[in-house]
Each structure stands twice: as C-alpha cells, then as structure tokens.
Amino acid sequence: MVGDNMCFETISAKALNLYMQSRDYILIDLRDYADYRRGHIPAAINIPYDDLMGNINQLDKNKK
C-alpha cells in the first residue's frame, strides 16, 4: 500500500488484455525510466514507483 488509500494488484496477462480493451483504466509501469525505455506495453505510462505519490495528480481520477 502506498499512502493512505493506494493499493496495487498484480494481474495476469489474460486480465491485462481485458483491461486494455477498455478506456476506463490507466496502466502504470512503475519501473525506473531505464527499464521502461528498454521495453514496455505500448499503452502504459511510466511513473517510477518512487515518484508515484508526487505525480498522482496527473492521473485521470475518473479511471481505475
């Protein structure tokens, strides 16, 4: 858990495919910038784990 009301879940590749078909979700790649640049899921945005709370306001609050 991060902060008071943030929690994370690990999802399967099958579940990821279902999420990616919906525009109601934000996929965040929490790895560092170098790892993200080496390869990532095209729809993912990169916010390293250590920077997440400082950038949380950038995320669309209407999406999961």
Protein backbone atom coordinates (compact mmCIF):
# COMPACT_ATOMS: atom_id res chain seq x y z
CA MET A 1 0.00 0.00 0.00
CA VAL A 2 1.20 3.50 -0.86
CA GLY A 3 -0.15 6.44 1.08
CA ASP A 4 -3.46 6.10 2.86
CA ASN A 5 -5.70 4.96 0.03
CA MET A 6 -3.48 3.49 -2.70
CA CYS A 7 -3.20 -0.21 -3.26
CA PHE A 8 -1.78 -2.26 -6.09
CA GLU A 9 -2.70 -5.58 -7.57
CA THR A 10 -0.82 -7.96 -9.80
CA ILE A 11 -2.85 -9.08 -12.78
CA SER A 12 -2.44 -11.92 -15.25
CA ALA A 13 -1.66 -11.40 -18.94
CA LYS A 14 -5.21 -12.53 -19.73
CA ALA A 15 -6.69 -9.92 -17.40
CA LEU A 16 -4.38 -7.27 -18.87
CA ASN A 17 -5.79 -7.98 -22.33
CA LEU A 18 -9.30 -7.40 -21.00
CA TYR A 19 -8.30 -4.14 -19.29
CA MET A 20 -6.60 -2.87 -22.44
CA GLN A 21 -9.86 -3.24 -24.37
CA SER A 22 -11.45 -0.70 -22.04
CA ARG A 23 -10.72 3.01 -21.88
CA ASP A 24 -11.72 3.07 -18.21
CA TYR A 25 -8.28 2.02 -16.95
CA ILE A 26 -4.82 3.53 -16.66
CA LEU A 27 -1.90 1.14 -16.95
CA ILE A 28 1.08 2.46 -14.99
CA ASP A 29 4.53 0.98 -15.42
CA LEU A 30 6.20 1.53 -12.04
CA ARG A 31 9.70 0.53 -13.14
CA ASP A 32 12.51 3.06 -13.43
CA TYR A 33 12.93 5.08 -16.63
CA ALA A 34 15.78 2.95 -17.99
CA ASP A 35 13.80 -0.29 -17.68
CA TYR A 36 10.74 1.33 -19.23
CA ARG A 37 12.77 2.54 -22.22
CA ARG A 38 14.13 -0.98 -22.78
CA GLY A 39 10.61 -2.24 -23.35
CA HIS A 40 7.08 -1.67 -22.16
CA ILE A 41 3.46 -2.25 -23.04
CA PRO A 42 2.56 0.48 -25.56
CA ALA A 43 -0.48 1.73 -23.61
CA ALA A 44 1.45 2.02 -20.33
CA ILE A 45 2.55 5.31 -18.87
CA ASN A 46 5.75 5.37 -16.87
CA ILE A 47 5.78 6.76 -13.37
CA PRO A 48 8.54 5.13 -11.33
CA TYR A 49 7.33 3.75 -8.01
CA ASP A 50 9.38 6.25 -6.01
CA ASP A 51 7.79 9.15 -7.96
CA LEU A 52 4.19 7.93 -7.90
CA MET A 53 2.89 9.97 -4.98
CA GLY A 54 4.48 13.14 -6.35
CA ASN A 55 2.76 12.63 -9.70
CA ILE A 56 -0.57 11.18 -8.58
CA ASN A 57 -2.44 14.36 -9.56
CA GLN A 58 -1.51 13.79 -13.22
CA LEU A 59 -3.75 10.72 -13.36
CA ASP A 60 -7.36 10.88 -14.53
CA LYS A 61 -9.42 10.37 -11.38
CA ASN A 62 -12.33 9.05 -13.47
CA LYS A 63 -10.31 5.98 -14.46
CA LYS A 64 -9.35 2.94 -12.46
